[in-house]
N, C-alpha and C. Protein backbone atom coordinates (compact mmCIF):
# COMPACT_ATOMS: atom_id res chain seq x y z
N UNK A 1 43.43 -24.50 6.02
CA UNK A 1 42.53 -24.46 4.90
C UNK A 1 41.41 -23.47 5.18
N UNK A 2 41.13 -22.62 4.23
CA UNK A 2 40.18 -21.53 4.42
C UNK A 2 38.73 -22.04 4.57
N UNK A 3 38.34 -23.03 3.82
CA UNK A 3 36.98 -23.55 3.85
C UNK A 3 36.59 -24.13 5.20
N UNK A 4 37.51 -24.81 5.88
CA UNK A 4 37.21 -25.41 7.18
C UNK A 4 36.91 -24.36 8.23
N UNK A 5 37.56 -23.22 8.16
CA UNK A 5 37.33 -22.15 9.12
C UNK A 5 35.86 -21.70 9.10
N UNK A 6 35.30 -21.55 7.91
CA UNK A 6 33.90 -21.13 7.79
C UNK A 6 32.95 -22.20 8.30
N UNK A 7 33.26 -23.44 8.06
CA UNK A 7 32.42 -24.54 8.53
C UNK A 7 32.45 -24.60 10.05
N UNK A 8 33.62 -24.42 10.64
CA UNK A 8 33.74 -24.44 12.10
C UNK A 8 32.95 -23.30 12.74
N UNK A 9 32.98 -22.11 12.14
CA UNK A 9 32.23 -20.98 12.67
C UNK A 9 30.73 -21.24 12.62
N UNK A 10 30.26 -21.83 11.52
CA UNK A 10 28.83 -22.13 11.37
C UNK A 10 28.39 -23.16 12.40
N UNK A 11 29.20 -24.19 12.63
CA UNK A 11 28.87 -25.21 13.63
C UNK A 11 28.86 -24.61 15.03
N UNK A 12 29.80 -23.73 15.32
CA UNK A 12 29.85 -23.10 16.64
C UNK A 12 28.61 -22.24 16.86
N UNK A 13 28.19 -21.53 15.84
CA UNK A 13 27.00 -20.68 15.96
C UNK A 13 25.76 -21.54 16.21
N UNK A 14 25.66 -22.67 15.54
CA UNK A 14 24.51 -23.56 15.74
C UNK A 14 24.49 -24.12 17.15
N UNK A 15 25.63 -24.46 17.67
CA UNK A 15 25.69 -25.05 19.00
C UNK A 15 25.38 -24.02 20.09
N UNK A 16 25.60 -22.73 19.83
CA UNK A 16 25.36 -21.69 20.82
C UNK A 16 23.90 -21.25 20.87
N UNK A 17 23.13 -21.55 19.85
CA UNK A 17 21.76 -21.06 19.76
C UNK A 17 20.87 -21.78 20.77
N UNK A 18 20.15 -21.04 21.65
CA UNK A 18 19.29 -21.68 22.63
C UNK A 18 18.02 -22.28 22.03
N UNK A 19 17.61 -21.82 20.85
CA UNK A 19 16.36 -22.30 20.26
C UNK A 19 16.53 -23.63 19.53
N UNK A 20 17.75 -24.00 19.23
CA UNK A 20 17.99 -25.20 18.44
C UNK A 20 18.36 -26.34 19.38
N UNK A 21 17.59 -27.42 19.35
CA UNK A 21 17.87 -28.57 20.20
C UNK A 21 19.01 -29.38 19.60
N UNK A 22 20.11 -29.44 20.29
CA UNK A 22 21.25 -30.22 19.81
C UNK A 22 22.00 -29.57 18.67
N UNK A 23 21.66 -28.35 18.28
CA UNK A 23 22.39 -27.66 17.23
C UNK A 23 22.20 -28.27 15.85
N UNK A 24 21.05 -28.90 15.59
CA UNK A 24 20.85 -29.60 14.32
C UNK A 24 20.26 -28.72 13.21
N UNK A 25 19.64 -27.63 13.56
CA UNK A 25 18.98 -26.80 12.56
C UNK A 25 19.95 -25.82 11.92
N UNK A 26 19.75 -25.56 10.63
CA UNK A 26 20.61 -24.59 9.95
C UNK A 26 20.05 -23.18 10.08
N UNK A 27 18.78 -23.04 10.49
CA UNK A 27 18.18 -21.73 10.70
C UNK A 27 18.13 -21.48 12.20
N UNK A 28 18.72 -20.37 12.62
CA UNK A 28 18.86 -20.14 14.05
C UNK A 28 18.54 -18.70 14.41
N UNK A 29 17.70 -18.52 15.38
CA UNK A 29 17.45 -17.22 15.98
C UNK A 29 17.16 -16.12 14.96
N UNK A 30 16.39 -16.41 13.96
CA UNK A 30 16.09 -15.38 12.96
C UNK A 30 14.92 -14.54 13.44
N UNK A 31 14.99 -13.26 13.19
CA UNK A 31 13.91 -12.36 13.58
C UNK A 31 12.71 -12.58 12.67
N UNK A 32 11.53 -12.51 13.26
CA UNK A 32 10.30 -12.68 12.47
C UNK A 32 9.91 -11.33 11.88
N UNK A 33 9.34 -11.37 10.69
CA UNK A 33 8.88 -10.15 10.04
C UNK A 33 7.66 -9.61 10.78
N UNK A 34 7.61 -8.31 10.94
CA UNK A 34 6.47 -7.69 11.60
C UNK A 34 5.27 -7.71 10.68
N UNK A 35 4.13 -8.06 11.23
CA UNK A 35 2.90 -8.07 10.44
C UNK A 35 2.28 -6.68 10.52
N UNK A 36 2.05 -6.10 9.37
CA UNK A 36 1.43 -4.78 9.32
C UNK A 36 0.13 -4.87 8.54
N UNK A 37 -0.75 -3.94 8.82
CA UNK A 37 -2.00 -3.89 8.08
C UNK A 37 -1.73 -3.36 6.68
N UNK A 38 -2.39 -3.93 5.67
CA UNK A 38 -2.19 -3.40 4.33
C UNK A 38 -2.76 -1.98 4.24
N UNK A 39 -1.99 -1.12 3.63
CA UNK A 39 -2.44 0.27 3.49
C UNK A 39 -3.42 0.40 2.34
N UNK A 40 -4.41 1.21 2.55
CA UNK A 40 -5.36 1.48 1.48
C UNK A 40 -4.73 2.52 0.57
N UNK A 41 -4.55 2.17 -0.67
CA UNK A 41 -3.88 3.07 -1.59
C UNK A 41 -4.86 4.09 -2.14
N UNK A 42 -4.49 5.35 -2.05
CA UNK A 42 -5.32 6.42 -2.58
C UNK A 42 -4.76 6.88 -3.91
N UNK A 43 -5.65 7.12 -4.85
CA UNK A 43 -5.27 7.60 -6.17
C UNK A 43 -5.76 9.03 -6.34
N UNK A 44 -5.11 9.76 -7.23
CA UNK A 44 -5.55 11.11 -7.58
C UNK A 44 -6.60 10.98 -8.68
N UNK A 45 -7.70 11.66 -8.53
CA UNK A 45 -8.79 11.65 -9.51
C UNK A 45 -9.08 13.08 -9.94
N UNK A 46 -9.23 13.28 -11.24
CA UNK A 46 -9.59 14.60 -11.77
C UNK A 46 -11.11 14.63 -11.89
N UNK A 47 -11.73 15.60 -11.23
CA UNK A 47 -13.19 15.69 -11.22
C UNK A 47 -13.66 16.80 -12.16
N UNK A 48 -14.65 16.47 -12.98
CA UNK A 48 -15.22 17.42 -13.94
C UNK A 48 -16.73 17.35 -13.85
N UNK A 49 -17.37 18.49 -13.92
CA UNK A 49 -18.83 18.55 -13.92
C UNK A 49 -19.30 18.73 -15.36
N UNK A 50 -20.07 17.76 -15.86
CA UNK A 50 -20.56 17.80 -17.23
C UNK A 50 -21.96 18.41 -17.19
N UNK A 51 -22.00 19.72 -17.31
CA UNK A 51 -23.27 20.44 -17.24
C UNK A 51 -23.58 21.11 -18.57
N UNK A 52 -22.56 21.51 -19.25
CA UNK A 52 -22.75 22.19 -20.53
C UNK A 52 -21.48 22.08 -21.34
N UNK A 53 -21.41 22.82 -22.41
CA UNK A 53 -20.21 22.81 -23.23
C UNK A 53 -19.51 24.15 -23.07
N UNK A 54 -18.32 24.22 -22.66
CA UNK A 54 -17.44 23.12 -22.23
C UNK A 54 -17.75 22.66 -20.81
N UNK A 55 -17.30 21.46 -20.48
CA UNK A 55 -17.49 20.93 -19.14
C UNK A 55 -16.67 21.75 -18.15
N UNK A 56 -17.12 21.80 -16.90
CA UNK A 56 -16.43 22.62 -15.90
C UNK A 56 -15.49 21.77 -15.06
N UNK A 57 -14.22 22.13 -15.08
CA UNK A 57 -13.21 21.44 -14.28
C UNK A 57 -13.42 21.81 -12.80
N UNK A 58 -13.51 20.79 -11.93
CA UNK A 58 -13.72 21.04 -10.51
C UNK A 58 -12.39 21.03 -9.74
N UNK A 59 -11.58 20.02 -9.98
CA UNK A 59 -10.30 19.90 -9.27
C UNK A 59 -9.93 18.44 -9.08
N UNK A 60 -8.93 18.23 -8.23
CA UNK A 60 -8.45 16.88 -7.95
C UNK A 60 -8.89 16.44 -6.56
N UNK A 61 -9.18 15.14 -6.44
CA UNK A 61 -9.50 14.54 -5.15
C UNK A 61 -8.69 13.25 -5.00
N UNK A 62 -8.46 12.84 -3.76
CA UNK A 62 -7.77 11.58 -3.47
C UNK A 62 -8.78 10.59 -2.95
N UNK A 63 -8.82 9.41 -3.58
CA UNK A 63 -9.78 8.38 -3.18
C UNK A 63 -9.29 7.02 -3.64
N UNK A 64 -9.74 5.93 -3.00
CA UNK A 64 -9.30 4.60 -3.40
C UNK A 64 -9.99 4.07 -4.66
N UNK A 65 -11.22 4.53 -4.95
CA UNK A 65 -11.93 4.04 -6.14
C UNK A 65 -12.78 5.15 -6.76
N UNK A 66 -13.36 4.84 -7.91
CA UNK A 66 -14.09 5.83 -8.70
C UNK A 66 -15.33 6.36 -7.98
N UNK A 67 -16.13 5.48 -7.41
CA UNK A 67 -17.37 5.90 -6.76
C UNK A 67 -17.09 6.80 -5.55
N UNK A 68 -16.10 6.44 -4.79
CA UNK A 68 -15.72 7.26 -3.64
C UNK A 68 -15.21 8.62 -4.10
N UNK A 69 -14.48 8.63 -5.21
CA UNK A 69 -13.97 9.90 -5.76
C UNK A 69 -15.12 10.82 -6.15
N UNK A 70 -16.19 10.27 -6.72
CA UNK A 70 -17.37 11.08 -7.08
C UNK A 70 -18.01 11.68 -5.83
N UNK A 71 -18.15 10.87 -4.80
CA UNK A 71 -18.78 11.34 -3.57
C UNK A 71 -17.95 12.44 -2.91
N UNK A 72 -16.65 12.25 -2.86
CA UNK A 72 -15.76 13.25 -2.25
C UNK A 72 -15.79 14.54 -3.05
N UNK A 73 -15.77 14.42 -4.40
CA UNK A 73 -15.80 15.61 -5.26
C UNK A 73 -17.10 16.38 -5.07
N UNK A 74 -18.22 15.67 -4.96
CA UNK A 74 -19.51 16.34 -4.77
C UNK A 74 -19.54 17.12 -3.47
N UNK A 75 -18.98 16.55 -2.41
CA UNK A 75 -18.97 17.23 -1.12
C UNK A 75 -17.96 18.38 -1.10
N UNK A 76 -16.77 18.11 -1.62
CA UNK A 76 -15.69 19.11 -1.55
C UNK A 76 -15.97 20.33 -2.41
N UNK A 77 -16.55 20.12 -3.59
CA UNK A 77 -16.80 21.24 -4.52
C UNK A 77 -18.25 21.72 -4.47
N UNK A 78 -19.00 21.26 -3.47
CA UNK A 78 -20.37 21.72 -3.21
C UNK A 78 -21.28 21.63 -4.43
N UNK A 79 -21.36 20.44 -5.01
CA UNK A 79 -22.24 20.20 -6.16
C UNK A 79 -23.61 19.80 -5.61
N UNK A 80 -24.66 20.38 -6.15
CA UNK A 80 -26.01 20.10 -5.66
C UNK A 80 -26.40 18.64 -5.93
N UNK A 81 -27.37 18.15 -5.18
CA UNK A 81 -27.83 16.77 -5.32
C UNK A 81 -28.35 16.48 -6.73
N UNK A 82 -28.92 17.46 -7.37
CA UNK A 82 -29.49 17.29 -8.72
C UNK A 82 -28.37 17.00 -9.73
N UNK A 83 -27.22 17.61 -9.55
CA UNK A 83 -26.12 17.49 -10.52
C UNK A 83 -25.06 16.44 -10.15
N UNK A 84 -25.23 15.75 -9.04
CA UNK A 84 -24.18 14.81 -8.60
C UNK A 84 -23.94 13.67 -9.59
N UNK A 85 -24.97 13.26 -10.30
CA UNK A 85 -24.79 12.17 -11.27
C UNK A 85 -24.07 12.65 -12.54
N UNK A 86 -23.79 13.94 -12.65
CA UNK A 86 -23.10 14.49 -13.82
C UNK A 86 -21.63 14.77 -13.55
N UNK A 87 -21.11 14.25 -12.44
CA UNK A 87 -19.68 14.40 -12.13
C UNK A 87 -18.93 13.25 -12.78
N UNK A 88 -17.93 13.59 -13.56
CA UNK A 88 -17.06 12.58 -14.18
C UNK A 88 -15.70 12.64 -13.50
N UNK A 89 -15.14 11.47 -13.20
CA UNK A 89 -13.80 11.41 -12.60
C UNK A 89 -12.88 10.54 -13.45
N UNK A 90 -11.64 10.96 -13.57
CA UNK A 90 -10.63 10.20 -14.30
C UNK A 90 -9.44 10.01 -13.40
N UNK A 91 -8.94 8.80 -13.34
CA UNK A 91 -7.77 8.51 -12.51
C UNK A 91 -6.51 9.01 -13.21
N UNK A 92 -5.71 9.76 -12.47
CA UNK A 92 -4.45 10.27 -13.00
C UNK A 92 -3.35 9.28 -12.68
N UNK A 93 -2.42 9.13 -13.60
CA UNK A 93 -1.33 8.17 -13.34
C UNK A 93 -0.09 8.84 -12.85
């Protein structure tokens, strides 16, 4: 009978496992998942300087949030301290 063969193999595997006392557990010698640090996801942000009409496109920056994107854009595109509050960023999808 085909079904008995599979049951016998499962019982034999349980009895061979050193971690299972008496071969009673159905879960045997399973590898544990590795714990990794969650990665900080960076998004692409389009930075624009709103100084006049039309607004001046600065470029793209990678940052995890809007405020950080503004700070990175100000440093990367050399925007003066006076105009830093006029940087607008939009998250690209």
